[in-house]
Amino acid sequence: MMTMNIQNIIEKYHLQPHIEGGFYAETFRSKVNIPGDATVCNSEDRNLYTSIYYMISGEDISRFHVLRSDEMWFYHGGATMFIHCIDSQGKYTKHNLGLNTNDQPQLIIEAGIMFAAECSDKTSYSLVSCVVIPGFDFKDFRMIPKKELLELNPDIPLIIEKFGV
């Protein structure tokens, strides 16, 4: 079986640079819409759900950001992906997304959780899929400044320095 390198994956799955870091490609946007007043997002109607491929490689990182929707992550391949989360009370948790002993192959990040990610092996990549419910819209996406993160949790300055904006 041929092992794909990072450039092969980018080309095969038509990945583009993501504003938060890493690469992505939208793979599906539900044709079913739900009324905006039925969501936590805003008054505009939303797709029921959306799906993307997302990849981080080498020293790439996903910087701390937050969504107004729940997001489900599914591991596909490469190295374990570390996902760093901070809730609205400042509690920090780290999740290992992968198939190794201390990993989990799926993770749900609830709306309002601030999160960032990195590849565990700086010579490899981590490829996942993300499903956002209600569907993703950049209007519901916000990057989190370091100052705001430090006010929530001053006990993890190295994490915040590395992944904050």
N, C-alpha and C. Protein backbone atom coordinates (compact mmCIF):
# COMPACT_ATOMS: atom_id res chain seq x y z
N MET A 1 0.84 -1.18 0.00
CA MET A 1 0.00 0.00 0.00
C MET A 1 0.89 1.25 0.00
N MET A 2 0.59 2.19 -0.87
CA MET A 2 1.37 3.42 -0.97
C MET A 2 0.99 4.40 0.14
N THR A 3 1.98 4.91 0.84
CA THR A 3 1.75 5.93 1.85
C THR A 3 1.71 7.29 1.15
N MET A 4 0.67 8.05 1.44
CA MET A 4 0.54 9.36 0.81
C MET A 4 1.35 10.38 1.59
N ASN A 5 2.00 11.28 0.86
CA ASN A 5 2.67 12.37 1.54
C ASN A 5 1.70 13.55 1.64
N ILE A 6 2.11 14.56 2.37
CA ILE A 6 1.24 15.70 2.65
C ILE A 6 0.75 16.38 1.38
N GLN A 7 1.64 16.62 0.42
CA GLN A 7 1.23 17.28 -0.82
C GLN A 7 0.24 16.43 -1.60
N ASN A 8 0.41 15.11 -1.59
CA ASN A 8 -0.56 14.21 -2.25
C ASN A 8 -1.94 14.35 -1.63
N ILE A 9 -2.00 14.44 -0.31
CA ILE A 9 -3.29 14.57 0.39
C ILE A 9 -3.95 15.90 0.03
N ILE A 10 -3.15 16.97 0.04
CA ILE A 10 -3.69 18.30 -0.31
C ILE A 10 -4.29 18.26 -1.71
N GLU A 11 -3.59 17.66 -2.65
CA GLU A 11 -4.07 17.59 -4.04
C GLU A 11 -5.26 16.64 -4.18
N LYS A 12 -5.18 15.46 -3.59
CA LYS A 12 -6.25 14.46 -3.73
C LYS A 12 -7.59 14.98 -3.20
N TYR A 13 -7.56 15.66 -2.04
CA TYR A 13 -8.80 16.11 -1.40
C TYR A 13 -9.09 17.59 -1.64
N HIS A 14 -8.31 18.22 -2.53
CA HIS A 14 -8.53 19.63 -2.93
C HIS A 14 -8.54 20.56 -1.72
N LEU A 15 -7.57 20.36 -0.82
CA LEU A 15 -7.50 21.16 0.40
C LEU A 15 -6.94 22.55 0.12
N GLN A 16 -7.49 23.52 0.83
CA GLN A 16 -7.07 24.92 0.74
C GLN A 16 -6.66 25.40 2.13
N PRO A 17 -5.79 26.43 2.21
CA PRO A 17 -5.43 26.96 3.54
C PRO A 17 -6.67 27.46 4.28
N HIS A 18 -6.72 27.18 5.58
CA HIS A 18 -7.83 27.62 6.43
C HIS A 18 -7.37 28.84 7.24
N ILE A 19 -8.27 29.77 7.51
CA ILE A 19 -7.95 30.99 8.25
C ILE A 19 -7.39 30.69 9.65
N GLU A 20 -7.82 29.60 10.28
CA GLU A 20 -7.35 29.26 11.62
C GLU A 20 -6.01 28.53 11.60
N GLY A 21 -5.57 28.09 10.41
CA GLY A 21 -4.37 27.29 10.24
C GLY A 21 -4.74 25.93 9.67
N GLY A 22 -3.78 25.24 9.09
CA GLY A 22 -4.05 23.95 8.48
C GLY A 22 -4.72 24.11 7.12
N PHE A 23 -5.31 23.02 6.64
CA PHE A 23 -5.95 22.98 5.33
C PHE A 23 -7.32 22.33 5.44
N TYR A 24 -8.23 22.73 4.54
CA TYR A 24 -9.57 22.15 4.58
C TYR A 24 -10.20 22.14 3.19
N ALA A 25 -11.27 21.35 3.08
CA ALA A 25 -12.13 21.37 1.90
C ALA A 25 -13.53 20.99 2.34
N GLU A 26 -14.49 21.83 2.00
CA GLU A 26 -15.88 21.48 2.30
C GLU A 26 -16.27 20.29 1.43
N THR A 27 -16.86 19.27 2.05
CA THR A 27 -17.26 18.07 1.32
C THR A 27 -18.76 17.95 1.17
N PHE A 28 -19.53 18.61 2.05
CA PHE A 28 -20.98 18.52 1.94
C PHE A 28 -21.63 19.67 2.69
N ARG A 29 -22.71 20.17 2.11
CA ARG A 29 -23.55 21.19 2.74
C ARG A 29 -24.98 20.71 2.56
N SER A 30 -25.64 20.38 3.65
CA SER A 30 -27.00 19.85 3.59
C SER A 30 -27.93 20.78 2.82
N LYS A 31 -28.75 20.19 2.00
CA LYS A 31 -29.76 20.98 1.27
C LYS A 31 -30.95 21.30 2.16
N VAL A 32 -31.04 20.61 3.28
CA VAL A 32 -32.11 20.86 4.25
C VAL A 32 -31.70 22.06 5.10
N ASN A 33 -32.58 23.04 5.19
CA ASN A 33 -32.34 24.21 6.01
C ASN A 33 -33.22 24.18 7.24
N ILE A 34 -32.74 24.80 8.31
CA ILE A 34 -33.56 24.96 9.50
C ILE A 34 -33.71 26.45 9.77
N PRO A 35 -34.85 26.84 10.30
CA PRO A 35 -35.07 28.28 10.54
C PRO A 35 -34.11 28.83 11.57
N GLY A 36 -33.65 30.05 11.34
CA GLY A 36 -32.69 30.69 12.23
C GLY A 36 -33.17 30.76 13.66
N ASP A 37 -34.46 30.97 13.89
CA ASP A 37 -34.94 31.07 15.27
C ASP A 37 -34.94 29.72 15.98
N ALA A 38 -34.65 28.64 15.25
CA ALA A 38 -34.55 27.31 15.88
C ALA A 38 -33.10 26.98 16.22
N THR A 39 -32.17 27.90 15.95
CA THR A 39 -30.75 27.65 16.20
C THR A 39 -30.22 28.63 17.24
N VAL A 40 -29.03 28.34 17.73
CA VAL A 40 -28.36 29.26 18.66
C VAL A 40 -27.49 30.25 17.90
N CYS A 41 -27.46 30.14 16.59
CA CYS A 41 -26.55 30.94 15.77
C CYS A 41 -27.00 32.38 15.65
N ASN A 42 -28.00 32.63 14.89
CA ASN A 42 -28.57 33.97 14.75
C ASN A 42 -29.91 33.83 14.04
N SER A 43 -30.46 34.89 13.56
CA SER A 43 -31.80 34.85 12.99
C SER A 43 -31.87 34.30 11.57
N GLU A 44 -30.71 34.10 10.94
CA GLU A 44 -30.71 33.59 9.57
C GLU A 44 -30.89 32.08 9.54
N ASP A 45 -31.55 31.59 8.49
CA ASP A 45 -31.68 30.15 8.32
C ASP A 45 -30.29 29.53 8.15
N ARG A 46 -30.16 28.28 8.56
CA ARG A 46 -28.89 27.56 8.47
C ARG A 46 -29.11 26.22 7.78
N ASN A 47 -28.05 25.74 7.11
CA ASN A 47 -28.07 24.37 6.63
C ASN A 47 -28.14 23.46 7.85
N LEU A 48 -28.79 22.34 7.71
CA LEU A 48 -28.89 21.41 8.83
C LEU A 48 -27.51 21.02 9.34
N TYR A 49 -26.59 20.70 8.41
CA TYR A 49 -25.21 20.41 8.78
C TYR A 49 -24.29 20.61 7.59
N THR A 50 -22.99 20.72 7.89
CA THR A 50 -21.95 20.80 6.88
C THR A 50 -20.82 19.86 7.28
N SER A 51 -20.00 19.49 6.30
CA SER A 51 -18.88 18.59 6.56
C SER A 51 -17.65 19.06 5.79
N ILE A 52 -16.48 18.90 6.43
CA ILE A 52 -15.21 19.22 5.78
C ILE A 52 -14.17 18.14 6.06
N TYR A 53 -13.15 18.08 5.20
CA TYR A 53 -11.90 17.43 5.54
C TYR A 53 -11.05 18.52 6.16
N TYR A 54 -10.24 18.17 7.15
CA TYR A 54 -9.34 19.13 7.77
C TYR A 54 -8.01 18.43 8.05
N MET A 55 -6.91 19.09 7.73
CA MET A 55 -5.60 18.49 7.94
C MET A 55 -4.63 19.52 8.53
N ILE A 56 -3.87 19.04 9.51
CA ILE A 56 -2.75 19.80 10.06
C ILE A 56 -1.51 18.95 9.80
N SER A 57 -0.42 19.60 9.41
CA SER A 57 0.81 18.86 9.16
C SER A 57 1.99 19.59 9.77
N GLY A 58 3.00 18.82 10.14
CA GLY A 58 4.24 19.40 10.65
C GLY A 58 4.01 20.39 11.76
N GLU A 59 4.52 21.59 11.56
CA GLU A 59 4.41 22.65 12.57
C GLU A 59 3.11 23.46 12.46
N ASP A 60 2.25 23.13 11.48
CA ASP A 60 0.96 23.82 11.36
C ASP A 60 0.18 23.67 12.66
N ILE A 61 -0.62 24.67 12.97
CA ILE A 61 -1.53 24.58 14.11
C ILE A 61 -2.86 25.20 13.74
N SER A 62 -3.87 24.81 14.46
CA SER A 62 -5.16 25.47 14.40
C SER A 62 -5.21 26.38 15.61
N ARG A 63 -5.39 27.67 15.41
CA ARG A 63 -5.39 28.63 16.51
C ARG A 63 -6.74 28.60 17.24
N PHE A 64 -6.71 29.07 18.50
CA PHE A 64 -7.94 29.05 19.31
C PHE A 64 -9.05 29.82 18.61
N HIS A 65 -10.19 29.17 18.50
CA HIS A 65 -11.38 29.77 17.92
C HIS A 65 -12.60 29.14 18.58
N VAL A 66 -13.76 29.69 18.29
CA VAL A 66 -15.00 29.20 18.88
C VAL A 66 -16.09 29.26 17.82
N LEU A 67 -17.01 28.31 17.89
CA LEU A 67 -18.16 28.27 16.99
C LEU A 67 -19.45 28.39 17.81
N ARG A 68 -20.50 28.82 17.16
CA ARG A 68 -21.81 28.86 17.80
C ARG A 68 -22.56 27.54 17.62
N SER A 69 -21.97 26.60 16.91
CA SER A 69 -22.57 25.30 16.64
C SER A 69 -21.72 24.20 17.26
N ASP A 70 -22.33 23.04 17.48
CA ASP A 70 -21.58 21.86 17.88
C ASP A 70 -20.77 21.35 16.69
N GLU A 71 -19.60 20.75 16.97
CA GLU A 71 -18.77 20.22 15.90
C GLU A 71 -18.30 18.82 16.28
N MET A 72 -18.51 17.88 15.38
CA MET A 72 -18.07 16.50 15.57
C MET A 72 -16.83 16.26 14.73
N TRP A 73 -15.77 15.71 15.35
CA TRP A 73 -14.50 15.43 14.68
C TRP A 73 -14.34 13.93 14.55
N PHE A 74 -13.89 13.49 13.37
CA PHE A 74 -13.67 12.07 13.09
C PHE A 74 -12.26 11.88 12.54
N TYR A 75 -11.47 11.04 13.18
CA TYR A 75 -10.08 10.78 12.77
C TYR A 75 -10.06 9.87 11.54
N HIS A 76 -9.18 10.21 10.57
CA HIS A 76 -9.01 9.38 9.38
C HIS A 76 -7.62 8.77 9.26
N GLY A 77 -6.58 9.54 9.54
CA GLY A 77 -5.26 8.98 9.35
C GLY A 77 -4.14 9.92 9.72
N GLY A 78 -2.92 9.36 9.67
CA GLY A 78 -1.74 10.10 10.05
C GLY A 78 -1.50 9.97 11.55
N ALA A 79 -0.83 10.95 12.11
CA ALA A 79 -0.50 10.97 13.53
C ALA A 79 -1.72 11.41 14.36
N THR A 80 -1.65 11.15 15.63
CA THR A 80 -2.67 11.63 16.57
C THR A 80 -2.75 13.15 16.49
N MET A 81 -3.96 13.69 16.56
CA MET A 81 -4.16 15.13 16.63
C MET A 81 -4.48 15.50 18.07
N PHE A 82 -3.75 16.47 18.61
CA PHE A 82 -4.05 16.99 19.94
C PHE A 82 -5.02 18.15 19.79
N ILE A 83 -6.12 18.11 20.53
CA ILE A 83 -7.11 19.19 20.50
C ILE A 83 -7.17 19.80 21.90
N HIS A 84 -6.87 21.09 21.98
CA HIS A 84 -6.83 21.83 23.24
C HIS A 84 -8.14 22.61 23.37
N CYS A 85 -8.83 22.45 24.50
CA CYS A 85 -10.13 23.10 24.70
C CYS A 85 -10.14 23.93 25.98
N ILE A 86 -10.84 25.05 25.92
CA ILE A 86 -11.08 25.89 27.09
C ILE A 86 -12.56 26.23 27.10
N ASP A 87 -13.25 25.89 28.21
CA ASP A 87 -14.68 26.21 28.27
C ASP A 87 -14.88 27.64 28.77
N SER A 88 -16.13 28.07 28.85
CA SER A 88 -16.43 29.46 29.20
C SER A 88 -16.04 29.80 30.64
N GLN A 89 -15.81 28.77 31.47
CA GLN A 89 -15.36 28.98 32.85
C GLN A 89 -13.84 28.96 32.97
N GLY A 90 -13.14 28.71 31.85
CA GLY A 90 -11.69 28.69 31.85
C GLY A 90 -11.07 27.31 32.06
N LYS A 91 -11.89 26.27 32.17
CA LYS A 91 -11.35 24.91 32.38
C LYS A 91 -10.69 24.41 31.09
N TYR A 92 -9.44 23.96 31.22
CA TYR A 92 -8.65 23.46 30.09
C TYR A 92 -8.69 21.94 30.04
N THR A 93 -8.89 21.39 28.85
CA THR A 93 -8.78 19.94 28.62
C THR A 93 -8.04 19.71 27.31
N LYS A 94 -7.34 18.58 27.25
CA LYS A 94 -6.63 18.19 26.03
C LYS A 94 -7.15 16.81 25.62
N HIS A 95 -7.48 16.67 24.33
CA HIS A 95 -7.99 15.41 23.79
C HIS A 95 -7.03 14.90 22.73
N ASN A 96 -6.87 13.59 22.67
CA ASN A 96 -6.06 12.94 21.66
C ASN A 96 -6.99 12.29 20.65
N LEU A 97 -7.01 12.80 19.44
CA LEU A 97 -7.87 12.26 18.39
C LEU A 97 -7.02 11.36 17.51
N GLY A 98 -7.31 10.07 17.54
CA GLY A 98 -6.52 9.10 16.78
C GLY A 98 -6.94 7.69 17.13
N LEU A 99 -6.05 6.73 16.89
CA LEU A 99 -6.36 5.32 17.12
C LEU A 99 -5.37 4.65 18.08
N ASN A 100 -4.46 5.39 18.67
CA ASN A 100 -3.51 4.80 19.61
C ASN A 100 -4.17 4.55 20.96
N THR A 101 -3.44 3.93 21.88
CA THR A 101 -3.98 3.50 23.17
C THR A 101 -4.72 4.59 23.93
N ASN A 102 -4.17 5.78 24.03
CA ASN A 102 -4.81 6.87 24.80
C ASN A 102 -5.62 7.82 23.93
N ASP A 103 -5.95 7.39 22.71
CA ASP A 103 -6.68 8.24 21.77
C ASP A 103 -8.16 7.88 21.73
N GLN A 104 -8.91 8.74 21.10
CA GLN A 104 -10.30 8.47 20.77
C GLN A 104 -10.48 8.79 19.30
N PRO A 105 -11.27 7.99 18.55
CA PRO A 105 -11.41 8.22 17.11
C PRO A 105 -12.44 9.29 16.75
N GLN A 106 -13.20 9.74 17.74
CA GLN A 106 -14.25 10.74 17.50
C GLN A 106 -14.31 11.67 18.70
N LEU A 107 -14.61 12.94 18.45
CA LEU A 107 -14.71 13.92 19.52
C LEU A 107 -15.82 14.91 19.18
N ILE A 108 -16.59 15.26 20.17
CA ILE A 108 -17.62 16.30 20.00
C ILE A 108 -17.18 17.53 20.77
N ILE A 109 -17.11 18.65 20.06
CA ILE A 109 -16.80 19.93 20.69
C ILE A 109 -18.10 20.74 20.67
N GLU A 110 -18.62 20.97 21.86
CA GLU A 110 -19.91 21.66 21.95
C GLU A 110 -19.77 23.14 21.62
N ALA A 111 -20.84 23.72 21.14
CA ALA A 111 -20.88 25.15 20.83
C ALA A 111 -20.38 25.95 22.03
N GLY A 112 -19.57 26.97 21.76
CA GLY A 112 -19.08 27.84 22.82
C GLY A 112 -17.75 27.42 23.43
N ILE A 113 -17.28 26.21 23.14
CA ILE A 113 -15.98 25.77 23.63
C ILE A 113 -14.90 26.37 22.72
N MET A 114 -13.89 26.97 23.31
CA MET A 114 -12.77 27.50 22.53
C MET A 114 -11.78 26.37 22.32
N PHE A 115 -11.28 26.22 21.10
CA PHE A 115 -10.39 25.09 20.85
C PHE A 115 -9.34 25.40 19.79
N ALA A 116 -8.25 24.64 19.89
CA ALA A 116 -7.11 24.73 18.98
C ALA A 116 -6.60 23.32 18.77
N ALA A 117 -5.77 23.11 17.75
CA ALA A 117 -5.30 21.75 17.48
C ALA A 117 -3.89 21.77 16.90
N GLU A 118 -3.22 20.60 17.03
CA GLU A 118 -1.89 20.42 16.47
C GLU A 118 -1.68 18.94 16.19
N CYS A 119 -0.76 18.66 15.29
CA CYS A 119 -0.36 17.29 14.98
C CYS A 119 0.66 16.85 16.03
N SER A 120 0.50 15.64 16.54
CA SER A 120 1.40 15.15 17.59
C SER A 120 2.81 14.86 17.07
N ASP A 121 2.94 14.60 15.78
CA ASP A 121 4.23 14.27 15.17
C ASP A 121 4.57 15.36 14.16
N LYS A 122 5.58 16.16 14.46
CA LYS A 122 5.92 17.31 13.62
C LYS A 122 6.51 16.92 12.27
N THR A 123 6.72 15.62 12.01
CA THR A 123 7.19 15.15 10.71
C THR A 123 6.07 14.49 9.92
N SER A 124 4.83 14.57 10.43
CA SER A 124 3.71 13.87 9.82
C SER A 124 2.53 14.82 9.61
N TYR A 125 1.35 14.26 9.57
CA TYR A 125 0.11 15.00 9.39
C TYR A 125 -0.99 14.32 10.18
N SER A 126 -2.09 15.01 10.38
CA SER A 126 -3.32 14.46 10.96
C SER A 126 -4.46 14.85 10.04
N LEU A 127 -5.21 13.87 9.57
CA LEU A 127 -6.35 14.11 8.68
C LEU A 127 -7.63 13.69 9.39
N VAL A 128 -8.59 14.61 9.44
CA VAL A 128 -9.86 14.38 10.11
C VAL A 128 -11.00 14.90 9.23
N SER A 129 -12.22 14.56 9.63
CA SER A 129 -13.41 15.21 9.09
C SER A 129 -14.10 15.91 10.23
N CYS A 130 -14.75 17.02 9.92
CA CYS A 130 -15.51 17.77 10.91
C CYS A 130 -16.92 17.99 10.37
N VAL A 131 -17.91 17.69 11.21
CA VAL A 131 -19.31 17.93 10.86
C VAL A 131 -19.84 18.97 11.84
N VAL A 132 -20.38 20.06 11.31
CA VAL A 132 -20.89 21.15 12.13
C VAL A 132 -22.42 21.15 12.04
N ILE A 133 -23.07 21.22 13.24
CA ILE A 133 -24.53 21.14 13.33
C ILE A 133 -25.01 22.23 14.27
N PRO A 134 -25.88 23.20 13.87
CA PRO A 134 -26.29 23.51 12.50
C PRO A 134 -25.08 23.87 11.65
N GLY A 135 -25.27 23.86 10.36
CA GLY A 135 -24.19 24.02 9.40
C GLY A 135 -23.30 25.22 9.63
N PHE A 136 -22.02 25.04 9.26
CA PHE A 136 -21.01 26.07 9.46
C PHE A 136 -21.30 27.31 8.62
N ASP A 137 -21.06 28.45 9.24
CA ASP A 137 -21.11 29.74 8.56
C ASP A 137 -20.04 30.60 9.23
N PHE A 138 -19.20 31.28 8.44
CA PHE A 138 -18.14 32.09 9.03
C PHE A 138 -18.68 33.18 9.95
N LYS A 139 -19.96 33.53 9.84
CA LYS A 139 -20.55 34.51 10.74
C LYS A 139 -20.58 33.99 12.18
N ASP A 140 -20.52 32.67 12.33
CA ASP A 140 -20.60 32.03 13.65
C ASP A 140 -19.24 31.58 14.15
N PHE A 141 -18.18 32.05 13.52
CA PHE A 141 -16.80 31.66 13.81
C PHE A 141 -16.06 32.86 14.36
N ARG A 142 -15.29 32.66 15.45
CA ARG A 142 -14.52 33.78 16.01
C ARG A 142 -13.17 33.26 16.50
N MET A 143 -12.09 33.93 16.07
CA MET A 143 -10.76 33.66 16.58
C MET A 143 -10.66 34.31 17.97
N ILE A 144 -9.90 33.66 18.88
CA ILE A 144 -9.84 34.14 20.25
C ILE A 144 -8.48 34.79 20.55
N PRO A 145 -8.47 36.06 20.96
CA PRO A 145 -7.22 36.75 21.29
C PRO A 145 -6.57 36.17 22.55
N LYS A 146 -5.23 36.20 22.57
CA LYS A 146 -4.47 35.69 23.71
C LYS A 146 -4.92 36.33 25.02
N LYS A 147 -5.14 37.63 24.99
CA LYS A 147 -5.53 38.36 26.22
C LYS A 147 -6.81 37.77 26.82
N GLU A 148 -7.78 37.50 25.98
CA GLU A 148 -9.05 36.92 26.45
C GLU A 148 -8.83 35.53 27.04
N LEU A 149 -7.99 34.74 26.38
CA LEU A 149 -7.69 33.39 26.88
C LEU A 149 -6.97 33.43 28.22
N LEU A 150 -6.00 34.35 28.36
CA LEU A 150 -5.25 34.47 29.62
C LEU A 150 -6.14 34.93 30.77
N GLU A 151 -7.14 35.76 30.47
CA GLU A 151 -8.07 36.18 31.52
C GLU A 151 -8.90 34.99 32.00
N LEU A 152 -9.24 34.09 31.08
CA LEU A 152 -10.02 32.90 31.45
C LEU A 152 -9.18 31.87 32.20
N ASN A 153 -7.93 31.67 31.76
CA ASN A 153 -7.09 30.66 32.38
C ASN A 153 -5.62 31.08 32.33
N PRO A 154 -5.15 31.78 33.36
CA PRO A 154 -3.75 32.20 33.38
C PRO A 154 -2.77 31.06 33.69
N ASP A 155 -3.28 29.87 33.99
CA ASP A 155 -2.44 28.73 34.37
C ASP A 155 -1.82 27.99 33.19
N ILE A 156 -2.20 28.35 31.97
CA ILE A 156 -1.66 27.65 30.79
C ILE A 156 -1.07 28.65 29.79
N PRO A 157 -0.14 29.51 30.25
CA PRO A 157 0.37 30.56 29.36
C PRO A 157 1.10 30.03 28.13
N LEU A 158 1.78 28.89 28.24
CA LEU A 158 2.50 28.36 27.07
C LEU A 158 1.53 27.89 25.99
N ILE A 159 0.44 27.26 26.38
CA ILE A 159 -0.59 26.82 25.42
C ILE A 159 -1.21 28.05 24.76
N ILE A 160 -1.56 29.04 25.58
CA ILE A 160 -2.20 30.25 25.05
C ILE A 160 -1.25 31.01 24.14
N GLU A 161 0.01 31.11 24.52
CA GLU A 161 0.99 31.80 23.67
C GLU A 161 1.13 31.11 22.32
N LYS A 162 1.16 29.79 22.33
CA LYS A 162 1.35 29.03 21.10
C LYS A 162 0.13 29.08 20.19
N PHE A 163 -1.09 29.00 20.76
CA PHE A 163 -2.30 28.83 19.94
C PHE A 163 -3.21 30.06 19.89
N GLY A 164 -2.94 31.08 20.69
CA GLY A 164 -3.79 32.28 20.68
C GLY A 164 -3.44 33.18 19.51
N VAL A 165 -4.32 34.10 19.22
CA VAL A 165 -4.05 35.06 18.13
C VAL A 165 -3.76 36.43 18.72
